[in-house]
Amino acid sequence: MFTQFLIHNFQFLIEADHRLLLAINHARTPALDRVMTFASQIKVWFPFYAVLLGWLGYHFRRRATLLVPLLAATVALADSITSRIFKPWAARPRPCHAADLAAQLYLPDGCGGAFGFMSSHAANAMGLAVFLLLTLPAGRFRALKAGIFLWALVISYSRVYLAAHYPLDVLGGWLVGAALGGAAGWAFRHWDGRIITA
């Protein structure tokens, strides 16, 4: 199993992962509890996604027929790869299910499913952020690009704060999301000219 492999070969990494989780989880306030719980709720971001898609459709016009499906594919693949492949394969229990940690954790949002490696929240958010960074015009919309990455970081931080994931779970999600967002961004740049000239 993946967890046993890590424990045997990278004990120092596991210990650092646990220490960072506890430090973040214990740096809590009632106000932060509410903010982080809100940030982790998928449904609360649906209006944001709707506005973003509407703006992308308005800005890219005809080119949005390529951009929007690629964006959707990035998020869908990030979610599927992390949830349906890595989580059952790695079988790494979430912190709140770990016998040696559960009693030390504060869980303002309860405990999620059994396995946590990798974080789907982190993968989805980073995939979207990287894709938009590569597809939005260079030198423009800097505030939007920075805001999207800040949003991705807050969501990712919230998963550790709530003890739903270890920091390494989030890092793994970032890598998957960044790779998919980068690939989709490359595909958009490669095919975009064909749409304009068609």
Protein backbone atom coordinates (compact mmCIF):
# COMPACT_ATOMS: atom_id res chain seq x y z
CA MET A 1 0.00 0.00 0.00
CA PHE A 2 1.10 3.56 -0.72
CA THR A 3 0.88 4.63 2.92
CA GLN A 4 3.13 1.78 4.11
CA PHE A 5 5.63 2.62 1.35
CA LEU A 6 5.78 6.24 2.51
CA ILE A 7 6.07 5.27 6.17
CA HIS A 8 8.94 2.88 5.45
CA ASN A 9 10.94 5.10 3.10
CA PHE A 10 10.02 8.67 4.01
CA GLN A 11 9.29 8.67 7.73
CA PHE A 12 10.73 12.17 8.10
CA LEU A 13 8.35 13.42 5.40
CA ILE A 14 5.34 11.86 7.10
CA GLU A 15 6.35 13.39 10.44
CA ALA A 16 6.76 16.84 8.88
CA ASP A 17 3.39 16.42 7.17
CA HIS A 18 1.76 15.62 10.51
CA ARG A 19 3.45 18.52 12.31
CA LEU A 20 2.39 21.04 9.67
CA LEU A 21 -1.18 19.71 9.72
CA LEU A 22 -1.37 20.10 13.50
CA ALA A 23 0.14 23.59 13.38
CA ILE A 24 -2.41 24.77 10.82
CA ASN A 25 -5.33 22.99 12.47
CA HIS A 26 -4.50 24.41 15.89
CA ALA A 27 -4.02 28.00 14.61
CA ARG A 28 -7.75 28.51 14.82
CA THR A 29 -10.25 31.16 15.79
CA PRO A 30 -14.06 31.08 15.67
CA ALA A 31 -13.98 33.56 12.77
CA LEU A 32 -11.51 31.42 10.81
CA ASP A 33 -13.66 28.37 11.47
CA ARG A 34 -16.54 30.05 9.65
CA VAL A 35 -14.37 31.32 6.78
CA MET A 36 -12.64 28.00 6.18
CA THR A 37 -15.84 25.99 6.45
CA PHE A 38 -17.45 28.34 3.93
CA ALA A 39 -14.47 28.12 1.57
CA SER A 40 -14.57 24.33 1.55
CA GLN A 41 -18.25 24.08 0.59
CA ILE A 42 -18.46 23.30 -3.12
CA LYS A 43 -22.02 24.54 -3.64
CA VAL A 44 -21.35 28.06 -2.34
CA TRP A 45 -19.03 28.65 -5.31
CA PHE A 46 -21.63 27.78 -7.96
CA PRO A 47 -22.64 31.47 -8.45
CA PHE A 48 -18.96 32.36 -8.88
CA TYR A 49 -18.55 29.64 -11.50
CA ALA A 50 -21.65 30.85 -13.34
CA VAL A 51 -20.39 34.44 -13.42
CA LEU A 52 -16.93 33.30 -14.52
CA LEU A 53 -18.33 31.18 -17.36
CA GLY A 54 -20.57 34.02 -18.47
CA TRP A 55 -17.66 36.44 -18.49
CA LEU A 56 -15.44 34.00 -20.39
CA GLY A 57 -18.19 33.51 -22.97
CA TYR A 58 -18.54 37.28 -23.37
CA HIS A 59 -14.80 37.93 -23.56
CA PHE A 60 -13.80 35.05 -25.84
CA ARG A 61 -16.95 35.05 -28.00
CA ARG A 62 -16.63 32.32 -30.64
CA ARG A 63 -13.41 31.05 -29.09
CA ALA A 64 -15.34 30.15 -25.94
CA THR A 65 -16.67 27.10 -27.80
CA LEU A 66 -13.18 25.68 -27.36
CA LEU A 67 -12.20 27.32 -24.08
CA VAL A 68 -15.21 26.33 -21.97
CA PRO A 69 -15.11 22.59 -22.84
CA LEU A 70 -11.38 22.51 -22.14
CA LEU A 71 -11.93 24.23 -18.80
CA ALA A 72 -14.71 21.79 -17.92
CA ALA A 73 -12.53 18.84 -18.95
CA THR A 74 -9.67 20.12 -16.77
CA VAL A 75 -11.84 20.27 -13.66
CA ALA A 76 -13.66 17.01 -14.41
CA LEU A 77 -10.42 15.11 -15.01
CA ALA A 78 -8.77 16.61 -11.93
CA ASP A 79 -11.71 15.49 -9.82
CA SER A 80 -11.87 12.01 -11.36
CA ILE A 81 -8.13 11.32 -11.23
CA THR A 82 -7.79 12.35 -7.60
CA SER A 83 -11.05 10.81 -6.35
CA ARG A 84 -11.38 7.64 -8.43
CA ILE A 85 -7.75 6.72 -9.01
CA PHE A 86 -5.41 8.11 -6.37
CA LYS A 87 -7.64 7.95 -3.29
CA PRO A 88 -8.53 4.25 -3.57
CA TRP A 89 -5.03 3.36 -4.80
CA ALA A 90 -3.13 5.22 -2.09
CA ALA A 91 -5.73 4.38 0.58
CA ARG A 92 -4.27 7.01 2.88
CA PRO A 93 -6.79 7.74 5.65
CA ARG A 94 -7.84 11.32 6.12
CA PRO A 95 -6.32 12.89 9.24
CA CYS A 96 -9.62 12.70 11.09
CA HIS A 97 -9.64 8.92 10.50
CA ALA A 98 -6.03 8.39 11.61
CA ALA A 99 -5.89 6.64 14.97
CA ASP A 100 -2.73 8.47 16.04
CA LEU A 101 -4.03 11.95 15.15
CA ALA A 102 -7.80 12.07 15.42
CA ALA A 103 -7.86 12.87 19.14
CA GLN A 104 -5.54 15.86 18.60
CA LEU A 105 -7.59 17.47 15.84
CA TYR A 106 -10.27 20.12 15.92
CA LEU A 107 -12.99 19.36 13.37
CA PRO A 108 -15.32 22.35 12.86
CA ASP A 109 -16.76 20.78 9.71
CA GLY A 110 -16.84 17.13 10.74
CA CYS A 111 -14.93 14.33 9.04
CA GLY A 112 -15.19 13.44 5.36
CA GLY A 113 -14.76 10.21 3.45
CA ALA A 114 -12.26 7.51 4.35
CA PHE A 115 -9.31 8.45 2.11
CA GLY A 116 -7.62 11.77 1.43
CA PHE A 117 -4.65 11.46 -0.96
CA MET A 118 -5.00 13.49 -3.18
CA SER A 119 -7.17 16.53 -2.46
CA SER A 120 -9.80 16.97 -5.17
CA HIS A 121 -10.56 20.49 -3.96
CA ALA A 122 -6.91 21.48 -4.43
CA ALA A 123 -6.64 19.77 -7.82
CA ASN A 124 -9.81 21.36 -9.20
CA ALA A 125 -8.94 24.85 -8.00
CA MET A 126 -5.33 24.73 -9.20
CA GLY A 127 -6.35 23.26 -12.55
CA LEU A 128 -8.76 26.14 -13.11
CA ALA A 129 -6.21 28.74 -11.98
CA VAL A 130 -3.39 27.45 -14.21
CA PHE A 131 -5.70 27.11 -17.20
CA LEU A 132 -6.90 30.71 -16.89
CA LEU A 133 -3.36 31.96 -16.37
CA LEU A 134 -2.36 30.40 -19.70
CA THR A 135 -5.45 31.32 -21.69
CA LEU A 136 -6.18 34.87 -20.59
CA PRO A 137 -4.19 37.45 -22.59
CA ALA A 138 -0.66 38.05 -21.32
CA GLY A 139 -0.27 41.33 -19.48
CA ARG A 140 -4.03 41.78 -19.01
CA PHE A 141 -6.49 40.84 -16.27
CA ARG A 142 -3.68 40.64 -13.73
CA ALA A 143 -6.04 41.22 -10.81
CA LEU A 144 -8.29 38.39 -12.00
CA LYS A 145 -5.36 36.02 -12.40
CA ALA A 146 -4.00 36.88 -8.96
CA GLY A 147 -7.48 36.57 -7.46
CA ILE A 148 -8.01 33.12 -8.97
CA PHE A 149 -4.73 31.86 -7.50
CA LEU A 150 -5.53 33.42 -4.13
CA TRP A 151 -8.93 31.68 -4.25
CA ALA A 152 -7.21 28.36 -5.03
CA LEU A 153 -4.79 28.86 -2.12
CA VAL A 154 -7.60 29.69 0.33
CA ILE A 155 -9.59 26.60 -0.68
CA SER A 156 -6.49 24.43 -0.39
CA TYR A 157 -5.53 25.91 2.99
CA SER A 158 -9.07 25.34 4.23
CA ARG A 159 -8.77 21.61 3.57
CA VAL A 160 -5.78 21.37 5.90
CA TYR A 161 -7.24 23.79 8.44
CA LEU A 162 -10.37 21.62 8.67
CA ALA A 163 -8.19 18.49 8.96
CA ALA A 164 -9.82 17.01 5.87
CA HIS A 165 -6.37 16.60 4.28
CA TYR A 166 -2.69 16.53 5.07
CA PRO A 167 -0.51 19.17 3.41
CA LEU A 168 0.95 16.48 1.12
CA ASP A 169 -2.57 15.60 -0.03
CA VAL A 170 -2.99 19.21 -1.11
CA LEU A 171 0.44 19.33 -2.76
CA GLY A 172 -0.40 16.20 -4.74
CA GLY A 173 -3.68 17.76 -5.82
CA TRP A 174 -1.88 20.92 -6.92
CA LEU A 175 0.51 18.90 -9.10
CA VAL A 176 -2.32 17.02 -10.82
CA GLY A 177 -4.38 20.18 -11.30
CA ALA A 178 -1.41 22.20 -12.58
CA ALA A 179 -0.47 19.45 -15.05
CA LEU A 180 -4.02 19.20 -16.40
CA GLY A 181 -4.49 22.97 -16.50
CA GLY A 182 -1.17 23.33 -18.30
CA ALA A 183 -2.08 20.65 -20.85
CA ALA A 184 -5.49 22.19 -21.48
CA GLY A 185 -3.95 25.65 -21.78
CA TRP A 186 -1.47 24.34 -24.35
CA ALA A 187 -4.34 22.67 -26.27
CA PHE A 188 -6.28 25.93 -26.33
CA ARG A 189 -3.32 27.88 -27.68
CA HIS A 190 -2.64 25.17 -30.26
CA TRP A 191 -6.20 24.98 -31.57
CA ASP A 192 -7.33 28.55 -30.97
CA GLY A 193 -5.89 29.91 -34.21
CA ARG A 194 -7.74 27.31 -36.22
CA ILE A 195 -11.06 28.49 -34.79
CA ILE A 196 -10.30 32.13 -35.54
CA THR A 197 -9.35 31.41 -39.16
CA ALA A 198 -12.04 28.80 -39.80
